[in-house]
Amino acid sequence: METRVAVIGIIVENPEATPRLNEILHEYGNHIIGRMGIPYRQRGISVISIAVDAPQDVISALSGKLGRLEGVTAKAAYSNYIFHDEN
């Protein structure tokens, strides 16, 4: 299986989207390397970064699901290196 490492940058402008956002991240938990969330209280938003190692279609699906949430923007940045797992 071919995987890539990517970072998904997420901006949450609608705090009501947070429970569904967390559900989606839980669904993809086996691909997530790490997560960092920063509440930016002065602006009323949250900034989240998710590091993932997954096939490109999985990363795209995750980023797309997150970006379709109301008040959430998500974009992925991919590494150029493709890893080949023996699984």
Protein backbone atom coordinates (compact mmCIF):
# COMPACT_ATOMS: atom_id res chain seq x y z
CA MET A 1 0.00 0.00 0.00
CA GLU A 2 1.26 3.48 -0.86
CA THR A 3 0.90 6.20 1.76
CA ARG A 4 1.91 9.82 2.07
CA VAL A 5 2.48 12.07 5.02
CA ALA A 6 0.37 15.21 5.00
CA VAL A 7 -0.75 18.04 7.23
CA ILE A 8 -4.38 19.11 7.22
CA GLY A 9 -4.87 22.70 8.33
CA ILE A 10 -8.32 23.38 9.79
CA ILE A 11 -9.94 26.70 10.71
CA VAL A 12 -13.11 26.40 12.82
CA GLU A 13 -15.27 29.53 12.73
CA ASN A 14 -18.43 27.77 13.93
CA PRO A 15 -17.96 26.15 17.37
CA GLU A 16 -21.16 24.15 16.86
CA ALA A 17 -19.31 22.13 14.20
CA THR A 18 -16.78 20.87 16.76
CA PRO A 19 -18.64 17.70 17.87
CA ARG A 20 -19.04 16.48 14.26
CA LEU A 21 -15.44 17.47 13.47
CA ASN A 22 -14.23 15.34 16.38
CA GLU A 23 -16.40 12.41 15.23
CA ILE A 24 -14.83 12.56 11.78
CA LEU A 25 -11.31 12.72 13.23
CA HIS A 26 -12.14 9.71 15.42
CA GLU A 27 -13.25 7.78 12.30
CA TYR A 28 -9.83 8.39 10.75
CA GLY A 29 -7.88 7.95 13.99
CA ASN A 30 -5.79 5.04 12.73
CA HIS A 31 -4.22 7.38 10.13
CA ILE A 32 -3.59 10.34 12.44
CA ILE A 33 -0.02 10.82 13.66
CA GLY A 34 -0.74 13.84 15.85
CA ARG A 35 -3.01 16.79 16.40
CA MET A 36 -2.53 20.34 17.66
CA GLY A 37 -5.40 22.69 18.39
CA ILE A 38 -5.12 26.36 19.25
CA PRO A 39 -8.17 28.31 20.41
CA TYR A 40 -7.81 31.90 19.19
CA ARG A 41 -10.21 33.46 21.65
CA GLN A 42 -9.65 37.07 20.56
CA ARG A 43 -11.00 36.17 17.11
CA GLY A 44 -13.52 33.53 18.19
CA ILE A 45 -11.98 30.78 16.04
CA SER A 46 -9.88 27.67 16.49
CA VAL A 47 -6.86 26.65 14.45
CA ILE A 48 -6.15 22.91 14.24
CA SER A 49 -3.40 21.00 12.46
CA ILE A 50 -3.59 17.26 11.90
CA ALA A 51 -0.57 15.21 10.78
CA VAL A 52 -1.57 12.06 8.89
CA ASP A 53 0.07 9.08 7.19
CA ALA A 54 -2.43 7.51 4.80
CA PRO A 55 -3.17 6.76 1.15
CA GLN A 56 -3.78 9.94 -0.82
CA ASP A 57 -7.46 9.14 -1.38
CA VAL A 58 -7.99 8.74 2.39
CA ILE A 59 -6.32 12.11 3.07
CA SER A 60 -8.46 13.75 0.40
CA ALA A 61 -11.63 12.18 1.80
CA LEU A 62 -10.82 13.33 5.34
CA SER A 63 -9.99 16.86 4.24
CA GLY A 64 -13.12 16.99 2.10
CA LYS A 65 -15.43 15.79 4.89
CA LEU A 66 -13.99 18.37 7.26
CA GLY A 67 -14.22 21.17 4.71
CA ARG A 68 -17.90 20.44 4.04
CA LEU A 69 -18.82 21.17 7.65
CA GLU A 70 -20.54 24.53 8.02
CA GLY A 71 -18.10 27.13 9.34
CA VAL A 72 -15.04 24.89 8.83
CA THR A 73 -12.24 25.31 6.29
CA ALA A 74 -9.75 22.47 5.71
CA LYS A 75 -6.80 22.19 3.33
CA ALA A 76 -4.19 19.46 2.96
CA ALA A 77 -0.49 19.86 2.22
CA TYR A 78 1.20 16.65 1.05
CA SER A 79 4.78 15.45 1.32
CA ASN A 80 6.40 14.57 -1.99
CA TYR A 81 7.67 11.22 -0.74
CA ILE A 82 5.49 8.13 -1.19
CA PHE A 83 5.94 5.34 1.34
CA HIS A 84 5.44 1.70 0.35
CA ASP A 85 4.14 -0.48 3.18
CA GLU A 86 4.46 -4.24 2.96
CA ASN A 87 0.97 -4.81 4.47
